[in-house]
Amino acid sequence: MDFNCWNCVREKIPFIAFGLIFLAMAVLSFLRSYSLIPVIGFLCCTYLLCESGTSNWERFLVWLVIGLVVYFLYGRHKSKLKKL
């Protein structure tokens, strides 16, 4: 029974994240006078990403971490600033 409850909560995490991002962007756009078109575009893209399944997000995050590790390890060894 606990496993089914976790799956139910796990599927709602992207929508909760979208709600929090939406709320933060609404407050920031009001306080900092952001342009409406980019804010709406960002929120639309965020909503579409939230429609993806959680397994897609898990795979994306794993590949993102792998890519960032490779990027920074390569950059650390090949950096021209390191020689200065």
PDB file of N, CA and C in Angstrom:
ATOM      1  N   MET A   1       0.823  -1.200   0.000  1.00  0.00           N
ATOM      2  CA  MET A   1       0.000   0.000   0.000  1.00  0.00           C
ATOM      3  C   MET A   1       0.860   1.254   0.000  1.00  0.00           C
ATOM      4  N   ASP A   2       1.979   1.239   0.735  1.00  0.00           N
ATOM      5  CA  ASP A   2       2.845   2.409   0.778  1.00  0.00           C
ATOM      6  C   ASP A   2       3.450   2.705  -0.590  1.00  0.00           C
ATOM      7  N   PHE A   3       3.735   1.649  -1.354  1.00  0.00           N
ATOM      8  CA  PHE A   3       4.330   1.838  -2.677  1.00  0.00           C
ATOM      9  C   PHE A   3       3.354   2.559  -3.600  1.00  0.00           C
ATOM     10  N   ASN A   4       2.075   2.221  -3.536  1.00  0.00           N
ATOM     11  CA  ASN A   4       1.067   2.897  -4.358  1.00  0.00           C
ATOM     12  C   ASN A   4       0.908   4.356  -3.957  1.00  0.00           C
ATOM     13  N   CYS A   5       1.009   4.631  -2.673  1.00  0.00           N
ATOM     14  CA  CYS A   5       0.905   6.003  -2.191  1.00  0.00           C
ATOM     15  C   CYS A   5       2.092   6.824  -2.702  1.00  0.00           C
ATOM     16  N   TRP A   6       3.294   6.243  -2.670  1.00  0.00           N
ATOM     17  CA  TRP A   6       4.483   6.942  -3.159  1.00  0.00           C
ATOM     18  C   TRP A   6       4.354   7.230  -4.654  1.00  0.00           C
ATOM     19  N   ASN A   7       3.834   6.289  -5.438  1.00  0.00           N
ATOM     20  CA  ASN A   7       3.656   6.524  -6.871  1.00  0.00           C
ATOM     21  C   ASN A   7       2.673   7.659  -7.123  1.00  0.00           C
ATOM     22  N   CYS A   8       1.645   7.747  -6.312  1.00  0.00           N
ATOM     23  CA  CYS A   8       0.668   8.823  -6.454  1.00  0.00           C
ATOM     24  C   CYS A   8       1.321  10.178  -6.177  1.00  0.00           C
ATOM     25  N   VAL A   9       2.101  10.264  -5.123  1.00  0.00           N
ATOM     26  CA  VAL A   9       2.790  11.505  -4.772  1.00  0.00           C
ATOM     27  C   VAL A   9       3.863  11.817  -5.808  1.00  0.00           C
ATOM     28  N   ARG A  10       4.560  10.805  -6.267  1.00  0.00           N
ATOM     29  CA  ARG A  10       5.647  10.976  -7.242  1.00  0.00           C
ATOM     30  C   ARG A  10       5.138  11.574  -8.544  1.00  0.00           C
ATOM     31  N   GLU A  11       3.936  11.214  -8.947  1.00  0.00           N
ATOM     32  CA  GLU A  11       3.361  11.756 -10.176  1.00  0.00           C
ATOM     33  C   GLU A  11       2.923  13.210 -10.018  1.00  0.00           C
ATOM     34  N   LYS A  12       2.700  13.659  -8.794  1.00  0.00           N
ATOM     35  CA  LYS A  12       2.244  15.031  -8.567  1.00  0.00           C
ATOM     36  C   LYS A  12       3.395  16.018  -8.365  1.00  0.00           C
ATOM     37  N   ILE A  13       4.614  15.528  -8.197  1.00  0.00           N
ATOM     38  CA  ILE A  13       5.753  16.406  -7.939  1.00  0.00           C
ATOM     39  C   ILE A  13       5.956  17.434  -9.054  1.00  0.00           C
ATOM     40  N   PRO A  14       5.917  17.068 -10.352  1.00  0.00           N
ATOM     41  CA  PRO A  14       6.095  18.106 -11.384  1.00  0.00           C
ATOM     42  C   PRO A  14       5.033  19.199 -11.338  1.00  0.00           C
ATOM     43  N   PHE A  15       3.806  18.853 -11.013  1.00  0.00           N
ATOM     44  CA  PHE A  15       2.747  19.860 -10.950  1.00  0.00           C
ATOM     45  C   PHE A  15       2.921  20.776  -9.745  1.00  0.00           C
ATOM     46  N   ILE A  16       3.402  20.230  -8.641  1.00  0.00           N
ATOM     47  CA  ILE A  16       3.697  21.057  -7.474  1.00  0.00           C
ATOM     48  C   ILE A  16       4.842  22.007  -7.794  1.00  0.00           C
ATOM     49  N   ALA A  17       5.866  21.495  -8.482  1.00  0.00           N
ATOM     50  CA  ALA A  17       6.993  22.345  -8.882  1.00  0.00           C
ATOM     51  C   ALA A  17       6.512  23.445  -9.820  1.00  0.00           C
ATOM     52  N   PHE A  18       5.641  23.105 -10.769  1.00  0.00           N
ATOM     53  CA  PHE A  18       5.109  24.121 -11.676  1.00  0.00           C
ATOM     54  C   PHE A  18       4.332  25.180 -10.909  1.00  0.00           C
ATOM     55  N   GLY A  19       3.537  24.780  -9.949  1.00  0.00           N
ATOM     56  CA  GLY A  19       2.792  25.747  -9.151  1.00  0.00           C
ATOM     57  C   GLY A  19       3.706  26.700  -8.402  1.00  0.00           C
ATOM     58  N   LEU A  20       4.787  26.165  -7.844  1.00  0.00           N
ATOM     59  CA  LEU A  20       5.737  27.016  -7.132  1.00  0.00           C
ATOM     60  C   LEU A  20       6.464  27.966  -8.085  1.00  0.00           C
ATOM     61  N   ILE A  21       6.864  27.460  -9.251  1.00  0.00           N
ATOM     62  CA  ILE A  21       7.532  28.310 -10.243  1.00  0.00           C
ATOM     63  C   ILE A  21       6.572  29.383 -10.743  1.00  0.00           C
ATOM     64  N   PHE A  22       5.326  29.002 -10.988  1.00  0.00           N
ATOM     65  CA  PHE A  22       4.317  29.962 -11.445  1.00  0.00           C
ATOM     66  C   PHE A  22       4.123  31.068 -10.417  1.00  0.00           C
ATOM     67  N   LEU A  23       4.022  30.694  -9.166  1.00  0.00           N
ATOM     68  CA  LEU A  23       3.837  31.676  -8.106  1.00  0.00           C
ATOM     69  C   LEU A  23       5.047  32.607  -8.004  1.00  0.00           C
ATOM     70  N   ALA A  24       6.240  32.036  -8.053  1.00  0.00           N
ATOM     71  CA  ALA A  24       7.460  32.853  -7.967  1.00  0.00           C
ATOM     72  C   ALA A  24       7.562  33.809  -9.155  1.00  0.00           C
ATOM     73  N   MET A  25       7.254  33.328 -10.352  1.00  0.00           N
ATOM     74  CA  MET A  25       7.337  34.190 -11.531  1.00  0.00           C
ATOM     75  C   MET A  25       6.266  35.288 -11.496  1.00  0.00           C
ATOM     76  N   ALA A  26       5.106  34.984 -10.973  1.00  0.00           N
ATOM     77  CA  ALA A  26       4.054  35.998 -10.859  1.00  0.00           C
ATOM     78  C   ALA A  26       4.496  37.112  -9.918  1.00  0.00           C
ATOM     79  N   VAL A  27       5.080  36.747  -8.791  1.00  0.00           N
ATOM     80  CA  VAL A  27       5.545  37.744  -7.832  1.00  0.00           C
ATOM     81  C   VAL A  27       6.713  38.541  -8.412  1.00  0.00           C
ATOM     82  N   LEU A  28       7.690  37.849  -9.018  1.00  0.00           N
ATOM     83  CA  LEU A  28       8.846  38.542  -9.588  1.00  0.00           C
ATOM     84  C   LEU A  28       8.463  39.458 -10.746  1.00  0.00           C
ATOM     85  N   SER A  29       7.541  39.016 -11.581  1.00  0.00           N
ATOM     86  CA  SER A  29       7.149  39.855 -12.706  1.00  0.00           C
ATOM     87  C   SER A  29       6.419  41.107 -12.228  1.00  0.00           C
ATOM     88  N   PHE A  30       5.738  41.006 -11.118  1.00  0.00           N
ATOM     89  CA  PHE A  30       5.076  42.187 -10.558  1.00  0.00           C
ATOM     90  C   PHE A  30       6.087  43.115  -9.888  1.00  0.00           C
ATOM     91  N   LEU A  31       7.009  42.550  -9.099  1.00  0.00           N
ATOM     92  CA  LEU A  31       7.967  43.368  -8.357  1.00  0.00           C
ATOM     93  C   LEU A  31       9.025  44.001  -9.260  1.00  0.00           C
ATOM     94  N   ARG A  32       9.478  43.288 -10.264  1.00  0.00           N
ATOM     95  CA  ARG A  32      10.570  43.774 -11.112  1.00  0.00           C
ATOM     96  C   ARG A  32      10.117  44.243 -12.485  1.00  0.00           C
ATOM     97  N   SER A  33       8.846  44.271 -12.723  1.00  0.00           N
ATOM     98  CA  SER A  33       8.262  44.743 -13.993  1.00  0.00           C
ATOM     99  C   SER A  33       8.823  44.003 -15.198  1.00  0.00           C
ATOM    100  N   TYR A  34       8.821  42.693 -15.127  1.00  0.00           N
ATOM    101  CA  TYR A  34       9.260  41.892 -16.267  1.00  0.00           C
ATOM    102  C   TYR A  34       8.257  42.004 -17.403  1.00  0.00           C
ATOM    103  N   SER A  35       8.751  41.840 -18.626  1.00  0.00           N
ATOM    104  CA  SER A  35       7.883  41.858 -19.790  1.00  0.00           C
ATOM    105  C   SER A  35       6.982  40.628 -19.766  1.00  0.00           C
ATOM    106  N   LEU A  36       5.772  40.781 -20.244  1.00  0.00           N
ATOM    107  CA  LEU A  36       4.778  39.716 -20.145  1.00  0.00           C
ATOM    108  C   LEU A  36       5.033  38.559 -21.106  1.00  0.00           C
ATOM    109  N   ILE A  37       5.501  38.838 -22.323  1.00  0.00           N
ATOM    110  CA  ILE A  37       5.670  37.795 -23.337  1.00  0.00           C
ATOM    111  C   ILE A  37       6.706  36.742 -22.913  1.00  0.00           C
ATOM    112  N   PRO A  38       7.922  37.126 -22.468  1.00  0.00           N
ATOM    113  CA  PRO A  38       8.867  36.089 -22.043  1.00  0.00           C
ATOM    114  C   PRO A  38       8.395  35.295 -20.822  1.00  0.00           C
ATOM    115  N   VAL A  39       7.707  35.954 -19.916  1.00  0.00           N
ATOM    116  CA  VAL A  39       7.203  35.265 -18.723  1.00  0.00           C
ATOM    117  C   VAL A  39       6.168  34.217 -19.116  1.00  0.00           C
ATOM    118  N   ILE A  40       5.249  34.587 -20.014  1.00  0.00           N
ATOM    119  CA  ILE A  40       4.238  33.628 -20.471  1.00  0.00           C
ATOM    120  C   ILE A  40       4.893  32.486 -21.234  1.00  0.00           C
ATOM    121  N   GLY A  41       5.886  32.796 -22.072  1.00  0.00           N
ATOM    122  CA  GLY A  41       6.605  31.749 -22.802  1.00  0.00           C
ATOM    123  C   GLY A  41       7.304  30.788 -21.862  1.00  0.00           C
ATOM    124  N   PHE A  42       7.976  31.337 -20.843  1.00  0.00           N
ATOM    125  CA  PHE A  42       8.655  30.492 -19.849  1.00  0.00           C
ATOM    126  C   PHE A  42       7.665  29.603 -19.115  1.00  0.00           C
ATOM    127  N   LEU A  43       6.537  30.162 -18.727  1.00  0.00           N
ATOM    128  CA  LEU A  43       5.543  29.378 -17.993  1.00  0.00           C
ATOM    129  C   LEU A  43       4.902  28.307 -18.879  1.00  0.00           C
ATOM    130  N   CYS A  44       4.684  28.612 -20.141  1.00  0.00           N
ATOM    131  CA  CYS A  44       4.137  27.603 -21.060  1.00  0.00           C
ATOM    132  C   CYS A  44       5.109  26.441 -21.237  1.00  0.00           C
ATOM    133  N   CYS A  45       6.383  26.746 -21.427  1.00  0.00           N
ATOM    134  CA  CYS A  45       7.391  25.686 -21.578  1.00  0.00           C
ATOM    135  C   CYS A  45       7.519  24.866 -20.304  1.00  0.00           C
ATOM    136  N   THR A  46       7.462  25.544 -19.155  1.00  0.00           N
ATOM    137  CA  THR A  46       7.535  24.834 -17.877  1.00  0.00           C
ATOM    138  C   THR A  46       6.345  23.903 -17.708  1.00  0.00           C
ATOM    139  N   TYR A  47       5.163  24.351 -18.109  1.00  0.00           N
ATOM    140  CA  TYR A  47       3.979  23.500 -18.004  1.00  0.00           C
ATOM    141  C   TYR A  47       4.111  22.277 -18.906  1.00  0.00           C
ATOM    142  N   LEU A  48       4.602  22.478 -20.122  1.00  0.00           N
ATOM    143  CA  LEU A  48       4.784  21.336 -21.029  1.00  0.00           C
ATOM    144  C   LEU A  48       5.792  20.340 -20.471  1.00  0.00           C
ATOM    145  N   LEU A  49       6.839  20.841 -19.839  1.00  0.00           N
ATOM    146  CA  LEU A  49       7.807  19.942 -19.216  1.00  0.00           C
ATOM    147  C   LEU A  49       7.189  19.191 -18.041  1.00  0.00           C
ATOM    148  N   CYS A  50       6.275  19.833 -17.339  1.00  0.00           N
ATOM    149  CA  CYS A  50       5.618  19.164 -16.214  1.00  0.00           C
ATOM    150  C   CYS A  50       4.706  18.043 -16.673  1.00  0.00           C
ATOM    151  N   GLU A  51       4.247  18.113 -17.910  1.00  0.00           N
ATOM    152  CA  GLU A  51       3.404  17.045 -18.450  1.00  0.00           C
ATOM    153  C   GLU A  51       4.206  15.776 -18.747  1.00  0.00           C
ATOM    154  N   SER A  52       5.530  15.893 -18.809  1.00  0.00           N
ATOM    155  CA  SER A  52       6.363  14.703 -19.006  1.00  0.00           C
ATOM    156  C   SER A  52       6.271  13.829 -17.760  1.00  0.00           C
ATOM    157  N   GLY A  53       6.476  12.550 -17.943  1.00  0.00           N
ATOM    158  CA  GLY A  53       6.435  11.652 -16.801  1.00  0.00           C
ATOM    159  C   GLY A  53       7.643  11.836 -15.903  1.00  0.00           C
ATOM    160  N   THR A  54       7.518  11.369 -14.675  1.00  0.00           N
ATOM    161  CA  THR A  54       8.622  11.515 -13.731  1.00  0.00           C
ATOM    162  C   THR A  54       9.830  10.677 -14.139  1.00  0.00           C
ATOM    163  N   SER A  55       9.608   9.577 -14.846  1.00  0.00           N
ATOM    164  CA  SER A  55      10.757   8.784 -15.287  1.00  0.00           C
ATOM    165  C   SER A  55      11.585   9.564 -16.305  1.00  0.00           C
ATOM    166  N   ASN A  56      10.935  10.401 -17.128  1.00  0.00           N
ATOM    167  CA  ASN A  56      11.674  11.260 -18.053  1.00  0.00           C
ATOM    168  C   ASN A  56      12.528  12.269 -17.300  1.00  0.00           C
ATOM    169  N   TRP A  57      11.978  12.832 -16.246  1.00  0.00           N
ATOM    170  CA  TRP A  57      12.740  13.788 -15.448  1.00  0.00           C
ATOM    171  C   TRP A  57      13.911  13.116 -14.752  1.00  0.00           C
ATOM    172  N   GLU A  58      13.710  11.899 -14.251  1.00  0.00           N
ATOM    173  CA  GLU A  58      14.804  11.190 -13.592  1.00  0.00           C
ATOM    174  C   GLU A  58      15.936  10.913 -14.574  1.00  0.00           C
ATOM    175  N   ARG A  59      15.597  10.464 -15.771  1.00  0.00           N
ATOM    176  CA  ARG A  59      16.619  10.233 -16.794  1.00  0.00           C
ATOM    177  C   ARG A  59      17.312  11.536 -17.180  1.00  0.00           C
ATOM    178  N   PHE A  60      16.533  12.593 -17.337  1.00  0.00           N
ATOM    179  CA  PHE A  60      17.106  13.888 -17.688  1.00  0.00           C
ATOM    180  C   PHE A  60      18.099  14.353 -16.623  1.00  0.00           C
ATOM    181  N   LEU A  61      17.743  14.242 -15.361  1.00  0.00           N
ATOM    182  CA  LEU A  61      18.629  14.696 -14.293  1.00  0.00           C
ATOM    183  C   LEU A  61      19.905  13.866 -14.224  1.00  0.00           C
ATOM    184  N   VAL A  62      19.786  12.548 -14.434  1.00  0.00           N
ATOM    185  CA  VAL A  62      20.982  11.698 -14.439  1.00  0.00           C
ATOM    186  C   VAL A  62      21.917  12.120 -15.564  1.00  0.00           C
ATOM    187  N   TRP A  63      21.391  12.298 -16.775  1.00  0.00           N
ATOM    188  CA  TRP A  63      22.226  12.706 -17.906  1.00  0.00           C
ATOM    189  C   TRP A  63      22.761  14.114 -17.728  1.00  0.00           C
ATOM    190  N   LEU A  64      21.995  14.999 -17.091  1.00  0.00           N
ATOM    191  CA  LEU A  64      22.466  16.345 -16.819  1.00  0.00           C
ATOM    192  C   LEU A  64      23.669  16.322 -15.886  1.00  0.00           C
ATOM    193  N   VAL A  65      23.602  15.525 -14.831  1.00  0.00           N
ATOM    194  CA  VAL A  65      24.722  15.419 -13.893  1.00  0.00           C
ATOM    195  C   VAL A  65      25.942  14.837 -14.590  1.00  0.00           C
ATOM    196  N   ILE A  66      25.758  13.787 -15.375  1.00  0.00           N
ATOM    197  CA  ILE A  66      26.880  13.195 -16.113  1.00  0.00           C
ATOM    198  C   ILE A  66      27.495  14.224 -17.057  1.00  0.00           C
ATOM    199  N   GLY A  67      26.670  14.956 -17.783  1.00  0.00           N
ATOM    200  CA  GLY A  67      27.166  15.963 -18.710  1.00  0.00           C
ATOM    201  C   GLY A  67      27.913  17.080 -18.017  1.00  0.00           C
ATOM    202  N   LEU A  68      27.414  17.542 -16.880  1.00  0.00           N
ATOM    203  CA  LEU A  68      28.094  18.603 -16.146  1.00  0.00           C
ATOM    204  C   LEU A  68      29.433  18.138 -15.586  1.00  0.00           C
ATOM    205  N   VAL A  69      29.487  16.907 -15.106  1.00  0.00           N
ATOM    206  CA  VAL A  69      30.763  16.368 -14.603  1.00  0.00           C
ATOM    207  C   VAL A  69      31.782  16.306 -15.726  1.00  0.00           C
ATOM    208  N   VAL A  70      31.395  15.774 -16.887  1.00  0.00           N
ATOM    209  CA  VAL A  70      32.312  15.694 -18.025  1.00  0.00           C
ATOM    210  C   VAL A  70      32.732  17.097 -18.457  1.00  0.00           C
ATOM    211  N   TYR A  71      31.797  18.023 -18.532  1.00  0.00           N
ATOM    212  CA  TYR A  71      32.072  19.391 -18.964  1.00  0.00           C
ATOM    213  C   TYR A  71      33.100  20.060 -18.053  1.00  0.00           C
ATOM    214  N   PHE A  72      32.893  19.977 -16.746  1.00  0.00           N
ATOM    215  CA  PHE A  72      33.798  20.657 -15.826  1.00  0.00           C
ATOM    216  C   PHE A  72      35.139  19.947 -15.705  1.00  0.00           C
ATOM    217  N   LEU A  73      35.158  18.624 -15.768  1.00  0.00           N
ATOM    218  CA  LEU A  73      36.444  17.924 -15.736  1.00  0.00           C
ATOM    219  C   LEU A  73      37.264  18.243 -16.983  1.00  0.00           C
ATOM    220  N   TYR A  74      36.628  18.271 -18.137  1.00  0.00           N
ATOM    221  CA  TYR A  74      37.325  18.615 -19.374  1.00  0.00           C
ATOM    222  C   TYR A  74      37.796  20.070 -19.323  1.00  0.00           C
ATOM    223  N   GLY A  75      36.953  20.957 -18.871  1.00  0.00           N
ATOM    224  CA  GLY A  75      37.308  22.368 -18.795  1.00  0.00           C
ATOM    225  C   GLY A  75      38.418  22.641 -17.802  1.00  0.00           C
ATOM    226  N   ARG A  76      38.463  21.889 -16.746  1.00  0.00           N
ATOM    227  CA  ARG A  76      39.507  22.085 -15.738  1.00  0.00           C
ATOM    228  C   ARG A  76      40.878  21.723 -16.293  1.00  0.00           C
ATOM    229  N   HIS A  77      40.941  20.666 -17.093  1.00  0.00           N
ATOM    230  CA  HIS A  77      42.219  20.236 -17.646  1.00  0.00           C
ATOM    231  C   HIS A  77      42.626  21.044 -18.870  1.00  0.00           C
ATOM    232  N   LYS A  78      41.680  21.547 -19.649  1.00  0.00           N
ATOM    233  CA  LYS A  78      41.977  22.250 -20.899  1.00  0.00           C
ATOM    234  C   LYS A  78      41.871  23.767 -20.782  1.00  0.00           C
ATOM    235  N   SER A  79      41.678  24.297 -19.603  1.00  0.00           N
ATOM    236  CA  SER A  79      41.469  25.730 -19.423  1.00  0.00           C
ATOM    237  C   SER A  79      42.737  26.522 -19.717  1.00  0.00           C
ATOM    238  N   LYS A  80      42.595  27.595 -20.476  1.00  0.00           N
ATOM    239  CA  LYS A  80      43.719  28.501 -20.731  1.00  0.00           C
ATOM    240  C   LYS A  80      43.988  29.368 -19.513  1.00  0.00           C
ATOM    241  N   LEU A  81      42.995  29.603 -18.686  1.00  0.00           N
ATOM    242  CA  LEU A  81      43.196  30.385 -17.469  1.00  0.00           C
ATOM    243  C   LEU A  81      44.008  29.635 -16.439  1.00  0.00           C
ATOM    244  N   LYS A  82      44.015  28.315 -16.485  1.00  0.00           N
ATOM    245  CA  LYS A  82      44.774  27.521 -15.544  1.00  0.00           C
ATOM    246  C   LYS A  82      46.279  27.760 -15.720  1.00  0.00           C
ATOM    247  N   LYS A  83      46.698  28.044 -16.943  1.00  0.00           N
ATOM    248  CA  LYS A  83      48.115  28.244 -17.248  1.00  0.00           C
ATOM    249  C   LYS A  83      48.619  29.591 -16.762  1.00  0.00           C
ATOM    250  N   LEU A  84      47.714  30.545 -16.495  1.00  0.00           N
ATOM    251  CA  LEU A  84      48.134  31.889 -16.095  1.00  0.00           C
ATOM    252  C   LEU A  84      48.567  31.956 -14.680  1.00  0.00           C
TER     253      LEU A  84
END
